Amino acid sequence: MSLIDPPVGPDVSVSETPLRTTFRIKLNGETVPIGTIGQAFRFITKLNAIEWMEFRALHEDAALALQRAAGNAMLTVQATDALRTLFVRAKLL
């Protein structure tokens, strides 16, 4: 499954399933808290694809993990870990 595949299951961007931690990311001088699957998915998909180009594989892994976790809350640990890896490599944390 890739990001261009049609979503199957719940709308990930509105998922209120909590992540295992709340990420606090500084963006344009403002701190943005990311604590749910939906917030994380919106954050990593609203930025231009060019901005994630360097981290394409990690970005796709995180998006896929979020999609899976939106449909199965038991997968939030994997989604949180995938996000942490992406954010650390992108120097957002």
Protein backbone atom coordinates (compact mmCIF):
# COMPACT_ATOMS: atom_id res chain seq x y z
CA MET A 1 0.00 0.00 0.00
CA SER A 2 1.35 3.42 -0.91
CA LEU A 3 0.16 6.93 -0.14
CA ILE A 4 -1.57 7.11 -3.50
CA ASP A 5 -3.74 4.06 -2.81
CA PRO A 6 -7.29 4.96 -1.84
CA PRO A 7 -7.82 4.81 1.91
CA VAL A 8 -9.52 1.74 3.28
CA GLY A 9 -11.21 2.12 6.64
CA PRO A 10 -11.62 5.20 8.79
CA ASP A 11 -10.59 8.71 7.73
CA VAL A 12 -7.11 8.95 9.23
CA SER A 13 -7.05 12.75 9.32
CA VAL A 14 -9.91 12.92 11.85
CA SER A 15 -8.78 10.05 14.07
CA GLU A 16 -8.73 11.01 17.74
CA THR A 17 -6.77 7.89 18.73
CA PRO A 18 -3.96 9.12 21.00
CA LEU A 19 -0.34 8.47 20.19
CA ARG A 20 1.90 7.03 22.93
CA THR A 21 3.39 10.51 23.44
CA THR A 22 2.66 14.09 22.47
CA PHE A 23 5.27 15.51 20.14
CA ARG A 24 5.93 19.24 20.47
CA ILE A 25 7.38 20.58 17.25
CA LYS A 26 8.62 24.12 16.70
CA LEU A 27 7.38 25.39 13.38
CA ASN A 28 7.80 29.00 12.28
CA GLY A 29 8.54 30.01 15.87
CA GLU A 30 5.36 28.40 17.18
CA THR A 31 5.10 25.13 19.11
CA VAL A 32 2.71 22.65 17.51
CA PRO A 33 1.52 19.79 19.74
CA ILE A 34 0.87 16.49 17.97
CA GLY A 35 -0.87 13.99 20.22
CA THR A 36 -3.34 12.06 18.07
CA ILE A 37 -3.21 9.94 14.93
CA GLY A 38 -5.26 12.55 13.07
CA GLN A 39 -3.05 15.48 14.10
CA ALA A 40 0.07 13.59 13.08
CA PHE A 41 -1.38 12.51 9.74
CA ARG A 42 -2.51 16.05 8.92
CA PHE A 43 0.92 17.43 9.89
CA ILE A 44 2.93 15.05 7.71
CA THR A 45 0.54 15.23 4.75
CA LYS A 46 -0.18 18.97 4.66
CA LEU A 47 3.44 19.91 4.04
CA ASN A 48 4.55 19.91 0.44
CA ALA A 49 5.93 16.56 -0.78
CA ILE A 50 9.14 18.35 -1.74
CA GLU A 51 9.74 19.16 1.92
CA TRP A 52 9.68 15.44 2.76
CA MET A 53 11.64 14.32 -0.35
CA GLU A 54 14.87 13.73 1.60
CA PHE A 55 12.98 11.52 4.05
CA ARG A 56 10.65 9.86 1.54
CA ALA A 57 10.92 6.29 2.85
CA LEU A 58 10.53 7.37 6.48
CA HIS A 59 7.61 9.63 5.53
CA GLU A 60 5.84 6.80 3.72
CA ASP A 61 6.48 4.42 6.64
CA ALA A 62 5.03 6.93 9.11
CA ALA A 63 1.97 7.67 6.96
CA LEU A 64 1.28 3.97 6.49
CA ALA A 65 1.72 3.29 10.22
CA LEU A 66 -0.74 6.10 11.00
CA GLN A 67 -3.26 4.71 8.52
CA ARG A 68 -3.00 1.28 10.12
CA ALA A 69 -3.25 2.68 13.65
CA ALA A 70 -6.37 4.66 12.75
CA GLY A 71 -8.06 1.35 12.05
CA ASN A 72 -6.47 -0.55 14.95
CA ALA A 73 -5.52 1.35 18.11
CA MET A 74 -3.19 -1.49 19.14
CA LEU A 75 -0.81 -0.27 16.43
CA THR A 76 -0.28 3.19 18.00
CA VAL A 77 3.11 2.14 19.41
CA GLN A 78 4.40 1.37 15.92
CA ALA A 79 2.92 4.60 14.55
CA THR A 80 4.48 6.63 17.37
CA ASP A 81 7.87 5.01 16.75
CA ALA A 82 7.66 5.66 13.00
CA LEU A 83 6.80 9.33 13.65
CA ARG A 84 9.62 9.71 16.16
CA THR A 85 12.11 8.29 13.65
CA LEU A 86 10.87 10.65 10.93
CA PHE A 87 10.88 13.71 13.19
CA VAL A 88 14.35 12.98 14.60
CA ARG A 89 15.88 12.43 11.15
CA ALA A 90 14.17 15.61 9.89
CA LYS A 91 15.56 17.43 12.97
CA LEU A 92 12.10 18.48 14.11
CA LEU A 93 12.64 17.06 17.60
